[in-house]
Amino acid sequence: MPKIFLVTGSSRGLGREIVTAALAAGHRVMATGRDPRALEDLVAAHGDQVRTARLDVTDAEAADHVVSETIDAFGRLDVVVNSAGQGDRASLEDTSLEAFRRQIDTNFYGTVYLSRAAVPVLRRQGGGRERGYEQVGIPRNRAARALGPETASRGGRPLIQRSTVPTLDARQW
């Protein structure tokens, strides 16, 4: 049976690759991005197998809305992928507090908002999956220092998602 995916950051990068792989495997996808026009080619290629929605992950109400929109479109939600992210290539001392807050809002709170909206739905349905994808194995060199704020802003995502595991029955997967 095909799964229903909700994927943030679907316009490019890893989010786009996850959407493409899910569609190729026969699943149905709600692909989201700040500009859904960047997702029109997916609809043209996959028709009713994919829906698109505008989503600014820093907006908690928008996260609630896109979860509801996914249920309305497909009847359920099985897999939530928090892939949206934002990062400035600057060291901590070269990053303004405003830029740092923007990264925290996108990379951390974006995951919090979508998880808070999706987990109750997954629980009512009897289970589901929530996933986030992070950079792993960042080297300790000059390049790593340039990712300090981005890495910090993403650091709490796995902990938030791990906290949902006891509430979802993962044995069905």
C-alpha atoms as a PDB file:
ATOM      1  CA  MET A   1       0.000   0.000   0.000  1.00  0.00           C
ATOM      2  CA  PRO A   2       1.423   3.411  -0.909  1.00  0.00           C
ATOM      3  CA  LYS A   3       2.389   5.707   1.957  1.00  0.00           C
ATOM      4  CA  ILE A   4       1.427   9.357   2.197  1.00  0.00           C
ATOM      5  CA  PHE A   5       4.443  11.639   2.609  1.00  0.00           C
ATOM      6  CA  LEU A   6       4.570  15.271   3.715  1.00  0.00           C
ATOM      7  CA  VAL A   7       7.959  16.731   2.803  1.00  0.00           C
ATOM      8  CA  THR A   8       9.255  20.210   3.634  1.00  0.00           C
ATOM      9  CA  GLY A   9      11.965  21.833   1.556  1.00  0.00           C
ATOM     10  CA  SER A  10      10.806  20.012  -1.575  1.00  0.00           C
ATOM     11  CA  SER A  11      11.999  22.622  -4.061  1.00  0.00           C
ATOM     12  CA  ARG A  12      15.619  21.513  -4.131  1.00  0.00           C
ATOM     13  CA  GLY A  13      18.358  19.537  -2.448  1.00  0.00           C
ATOM     14  CA  LEU A  14      17.654  16.560  -0.240  1.00  0.00           C
ATOM     15  CA  GLY A  15      13.940  17.387   0.079  1.00  0.00           C
ATOM     16  CA  ARG A  16      13.558  17.281  -3.703  1.00  0.00           C
ATOM     17  CA  GLU A  17      15.435  13.962  -3.872  1.00  0.00           C
ATOM     18  CA  ILE A  18      13.204  12.441  -1.181  1.00  0.00           C
ATOM     19  CA  VAL A  19      10.083  13.555  -3.046  1.00  0.00           C
ATOM     20  CA  THR A  20      11.407  12.140  -6.305  1.00  0.00           C
ATOM     21  CA  ALA A  21      12.311   8.798  -4.690  1.00  0.00           C
ATOM     22  CA  ALA A  22       8.951   8.512  -2.898  1.00  0.00           C
ATOM     23  CA  LEU A  23       7.048   9.189  -6.107  1.00  0.00           C
ATOM     24  CA  ALA A  24       9.200   6.705  -8.044  1.00  0.00           C
ATOM     25  CA  ALA A  25       8.389   4.077  -5.392  1.00  0.00           C
ATOM     26  CA  GLY A  26       4.658   4.643  -5.916  1.00  0.00           C
ATOM     27  CA  HIS A  27       3.950   6.701  -2.809  1.00  0.00           C
ATOM     28  CA  ARG A  28       1.840   9.867  -2.718  1.00  0.00           C
ATOM     29  CA  VAL A  29       3.414  13.144  -1.660  1.00  0.00           C
ATOM     30  CA  MET A  30       2.478  16.579  -0.377  1.00  0.00           C
ATOM     31  CA  ALA A  31       5.543  18.506  -1.549  1.00  0.00           C
ATOM     32  CA  THR A  32       6.021  21.866   0.133  1.00  0.00           C
ATOM     33  CA  GLY A  33       8.178  24.903  -0.382  1.00  0.00           C
ATOM     34  CA  ARG A  34       8.155  28.636   0.022  1.00  0.00           C
ATOM     35  CA  ASP A  35       7.361  28.966  -3.692  1.00  0.00           C
ATOM     36  CA  PRO A  36       5.172  26.125  -4.996  1.00  0.00           C
ATOM     37  CA  ARG A  37       5.808  27.240  -8.598  1.00  0.00           C
ATOM     38  CA  ALA A  38       9.196  25.521  -8.221  1.00  0.00           C
ATOM     39  CA  LEU A  39       7.271  22.250  -7.804  1.00  0.00           C
ATOM     40  CA  GLU A  40       5.035  22.503 -10.894  1.00  0.00           C
ATOM     41  CA  ASP A  41       7.187  20.039 -12.845  1.00  0.00           C
ATOM     42  CA  LEU A  42       6.403  17.351 -10.251  1.00  0.00           C
ATOM     43  CA  VAL A  43       2.666  17.816 -10.764  1.00  0.00           C
ATOM     44  CA  ALA A  44       3.110  17.758 -14.541  1.00  0.00           C
ATOM     45  CA  ALA A  45       5.068  14.496 -14.323  1.00  0.00           C
ATOM     46  CA  HIS A  46       3.090  12.723 -11.574  1.00  0.00           C
ATOM     47  CA  GLY A  47      -0.450  14.133 -11.670  1.00  0.00           C
ATOM     48  CA  ASP A  48      -2.650  13.239  -8.697  1.00  0.00           C
ATOM     49  CA  GLN A  49       0.182  11.292  -7.058  1.00  0.00           C
ATOM     50  CA  VAL A  50       1.591  14.607  -5.826  1.00  0.00           C
ATOM     51  CA  ARG A  51       0.135  17.794  -4.435  1.00  0.00           C
ATOM     52  CA  THR A  52       2.036  20.962  -3.683  1.00  0.00           C
ATOM     53  CA  ALA A  53       1.601  23.616  -1.025  1.00  0.00           C
ATOM     54  CA  ARG A  54       3.244  26.847  -0.029  1.00  0.00           C
ATOM     55  CA  LEU A  55       4.863  26.434   3.367  1.00  0.00           C
ATOM     56  CA  ASP A  56       7.005  28.804   5.360  1.00  0.00           C
ATOM     57  CA  VAL A  57       8.155  26.454   8.117  1.00  0.00           C
ATOM     58  CA  THR A  58       8.675  29.393  10.476  1.00  0.00           C
ATOM     59  CA  ASP A  59       4.888  29.892  10.593  1.00  0.00           C
ATOM     60  CA  ALA A  60       3.200  27.577  13.130  1.00  0.00           C
ATOM     61  CA  GLU A  61      -0.274  28.178  11.686  1.00  0.00           C
ATOM     62  CA  ALA A  62       0.975  27.311   8.206  1.00  0.00           C
ATOM     63  CA  ALA A  63       2.299  24.000   9.569  1.00  0.00           C
ATOM     64  CA  ASP A  64      -1.143  23.202  11.021  1.00  0.00           C
ATOM     65  CA  HIS A  65      -2.740  24.124   7.704  1.00  0.00           C
ATOM     66  CA  VAL A  66      -0.440  21.977   5.538  1.00  0.00           C
ATOM     67  CA  VAL A  67      -1.049  18.924   7.733  1.00  0.00           C
ATOM     68  CA  SER A  68      -4.808  19.453   7.347  1.00  0.00           C
ATOM     69  CA  GLU A  69      -4.373  20.036   3.622  1.00  0.00           C
ATOM     70  CA  THR A  70      -2.478  16.738   3.328  1.00  0.00           C
ATOM     71  CA  ILE A  71      -5.262  14.850   5.133  1.00  0.00           C
ATOM     72  CA  ASP A  72      -7.884  16.535   2.943  1.00  0.00           C
ATOM     73  CA  ALA A  73      -5.991  15.634  -0.233  1.00  0.00           C
ATOM     74  CA  PHE A  74      -4.986  12.050   0.570  1.00  0.00           C
ATOM     75  CA  GLY A  75      -7.134  10.930   3.507  1.00  0.00           C
ATOM     76  CA  ARG A  76      -4.241  10.267   5.873  1.00  0.00           C
ATOM     77  CA  LEU A  77      -0.588  11.014   6.640  1.00  0.00           C
ATOM     78  CA  ASP A  78       2.067   8.329   7.084  1.00  0.00           C
ATOM     79  CA  VAL A  79       5.502   9.921   6.793  1.00  0.00           C
ATOM     80  CA  VAL A  80       6.622  13.434   7.757  1.00  0.00           C
ATOM     81  CA  VAL A  81      10.006  14.559   6.447  1.00  0.00           C
ATOM     82  CA  ASN A  82      11.445  17.755   7.918  1.00  0.00           C
ATOM     83  CA  SER A  83      13.931  18.642   5.207  1.00  0.00           C
ATOM     84  CA  ALA A  84      13.588  22.419   4.948  1.00  0.00           C
ATOM     85  CA  GLY A  85      16.629  24.265   6.130  1.00  0.00           C
ATOM     86  CA  GLN A  86      18.530  27.472   5.859  1.00  0.00           C
ATOM     87  CA  GLY A  87      22.183  28.145   6.478  1.00  0.00           C
ATOM     88  CA  ASP A  88      24.572  31.005   6.049  1.00  0.00           C
ATOM     89  CA  ARG A  89      28.160  30.098   5.336  1.00  0.00           C
ATOM     90  CA  ALA A  90      29.729  32.226   8.038  1.00  0.00           C
ATOM     91  CA  SER A  91      31.519  31.657  11.290  1.00  0.00           C
ATOM     92  CA  LEU A  92      29.809  32.373  14.587  1.00  0.00           C
ATOM     93  CA  GLU A  93      31.595  35.676  15.040  1.00  0.00           C
ATOM     94  CA  ASP A  94      30.711  36.739  11.488  1.00  0.00           C
ATOM     95  CA  THR A  95      27.015  35.876  11.813  1.00  0.00           C
ATOM     96  CA  SER A  96      24.645  38.602  12.920  1.00  0.00           C
ATOM     97  CA  LEU A  97      22.202  37.743  15.680  1.00  0.00           C
ATOM     98  CA  GLU A  98      19.375  38.352  13.209  1.00  0.00           C
ATOM     99  CA  ALA A  99      20.826  35.794  10.783  1.00  0.00           C
ATOM    100  CA  PHE A 100      21.376  33.329  13.630  1.00  0.00           C
ATOM    101  CA  ARG A 101      17.741  33.738  14.768  1.00  0.00           C
ATOM    102  CA  ARG A 102      16.544  33.190  11.184  1.00  0.00           C
ATOM    103  CA  GLN A 103      18.455  29.904  11.070  1.00  0.00           C
ATOM    104  CA  ILE A 104      17.080  28.816  14.472  1.00  0.00           C
ATOM    105  CA  ASP A 105      13.549  29.728  13.368  1.00  0.00           C
ATOM    106  CA  THR A 106      13.854  27.749  10.136  1.00  0.00           C
ATOM    107  CA  ASN A 107      15.957  24.758  11.123  1.00  0.00           C
ATOM    108  CA  PHE A 108      14.774  24.173  14.680  1.00  0.00           C
ATOM    109  CA  TYR A 109      11.377  25.804  15.171  1.00  0.00           C
ATOM    110  CA  GLY A 110      10.266  24.758  11.684  1.00  0.00           C
ATOM    111  CA  THR A 111      10.680  21.154  12.819  1.00  0.00           C
ATOM    112  CA  VAL A 112       8.934  21.880  16.129  1.00  0.00           C
ATOM    113  CA  TYR A 113       5.923  23.476  14.402  1.00  0.00           C
ATOM    114  CA  LEU A 114       5.421  20.690  11.870  1.00  0.00           C
ATOM    115  CA  SER A 115       5.989  17.968  14.469  1.00  0.00           C
ATOM    116  CA  ARG A 116       3.437  19.542  16.830  1.00  0.00           C
ATOM    117  CA  ALA A 117       0.925  19.617  13.981  1.00  0.00           C
ATOM    118  CA  ALA A 118       1.621  16.122  12.609  1.00  0.00           C
ATOM    119  CA  VAL A 119       2.263  13.926  15.655  1.00  0.00           C
ATOM    120  CA  PRO A 120      -1.332  14.073  16.999  1.00  0.00           C
ATOM    121  CA  VAL A 121      -2.592  13.040  13.545  1.00  0.00           C
ATOM    122  CA  LEU A 122      -0.112  10.167  13.322  1.00  0.00           C
ATOM    123  CA  ARG A 123      -1.034   9.051  16.832  1.00  0.00           C
ATOM    124  CA  ARG A 124      -4.795   9.083  16.062  1.00  0.00           C
ATOM    125  CA  GLN A 125      -4.145   6.984  12.970  1.00  0.00           C
ATOM    126  CA  GLY A 126      -2.258   4.401  15.009  1.00  0.00           C
ATOM    127  CA  GLY A 127       1.275   5.364  14.008  1.00  0.00           C
ATOM    128  CA  GLY A 128       3.516   6.858  11.407  1.00  0.00           C
ATOM    129  CA  ARG A 129       7.027   8.044  10.779  1.00  0.00           C
ATOM    130  CA  GLU A 130       8.682  11.381  11.336  1.00  0.00           C
ATOM    131  CA  ARG A 131      12.110  12.009   9.893  1.00  0.00           C
ATOM    132  CA  GLY A 132      14.620  14.810   9.721  1.00  0.00           C
ATOM    133  CA  TYR A 133      17.848  14.802   7.835  1.00  0.00           C
ATOM    134  CA  GLU A 134      20.951  16.520   9.123  1.00  0.00           C
ATOM    135  CA  GLN A 135      24.529  17.024   8.160  1.00  0.00           C
ATOM    136  CA  VAL A 136      26.667  14.324   9.692  1.00  0.00           C
ATOM    137  CA  GLY A 137      30.401  14.049  10.254  1.00  0.00           C
ATOM    138  CA  ILE A 138      31.330  17.687   9.834  1.00  0.00           C
ATOM    139  CA  PRO A 139      35.129  17.902   9.776  1.00  0.00           C
ATOM    140  CA  ARG A 140      37.030  19.971  12.332  1.00  0.00           C
ATOM    141  CA  ASN A 141      38.613  22.468   9.997  1.00  0.00           C
ATOM    142  CA  ARG A 142      38.045  25.910   8.529  1.00  0.00           C
ATOM    143  CA  ALA A 143      35.022  24.727   6.527  1.00  0.00           C
ATOM    144  CA  ALA A 144      33.384  23.419   9.694  1.00  0.00           C
ATOM    145  CA  ARG A 145      33.857  26.753  11.439  1.00  0.00           C
ATOM    146  CA  ALA A 146      31.933  28.389   8.608  1.00  0.00           C
ATOM    147  CA  LEU A 147      28.963  26.146   9.426  1.00  0.00           C
ATOM    148  CA  GLY A 148      28.863  26.852  13.183  1.00  0.00           C
ATOM    149  CA  PRO A 149      25.547  28.751  13.327  1.00  0.00           C
ATOM    150  CA  GLU A 150      23.852  26.402  10.860  1.00  0.00           C
ATOM    151  CA  THR A 151      25.046  23.333  12.745  1.00  0.00           C
ATOM    152  CA  ALA A 152      23.883  24.793  16.063  1.00  0.00           C
ATOM    153  CA  SER A 153      20.476  25.638  14.621  1.00  0.00           C
ATOM    154  CA  ARG A 154      19.998  22.053  13.419  1.00  0.00           C
ATOM    155  CA  GLY A 155      21.365  20.372  16.526  1.00  0.00           C
ATOM    156  CA  GLY A 156      18.071  20.109  18.406  1.00  0.00           C
ATOM    157  CA  ARG A 157      16.046  18.680  15.519  1.00  0.00           C
ATOM    158  CA  PRO A 158      16.928  15.016  16.137  1.00  0.00           C
ATOM    159  CA  LEU A 159      16.142  15.408  19.835  1.00  0.00           C
ATOM    160  CA  ILE A 160      12.704  16.866  19.132  1.00  0.00           C
ATOM    161  CA  GLN A 161      11.942  14.066  16.692  1.00  0.00           C
ATOM    162  CA  ARG A 162      13.301  11.389  19.007  1.00  0.00           C
ATOM    163  CA  SER A 163      10.923  12.636  21.695  1.00  0.00           C
ATOM    164  CA  THR A 164       7.973  11.633  19.505  1.00  0.00           C
ATOM    165  CA  VAL A 165       9.058   7.999  19.131  1.00  0.00           C
ATOM    166  CA  PRO A 166       7.329   6.744  22.309  1.00  0.00           C
ATOM    167  CA  THR A 167       4.053   8.240  21.066  1.00  0.00           C
ATOM    168  CA  LEU A 168       4.118   6.568  17.660  1.00  0.00           C
ATOM    169  CA  ASP A 169       3.928   2.844  17.040  1.00  0.00           C
ATOM    170  CA  ALA A 170       6.942   2.291  14.818  1.00  0.00           C
ATOM    171  CA  ARG A 171       6.553  -1.511  14.917  1.00  0.00           C
ATOM    172  CA  GLN A 172       4.175  -1.343  11.966  1.00  0.00           C
ATOM    173  CA  TRP A 173       7.023  -0.097   9.773  1.00  0.00           C
END
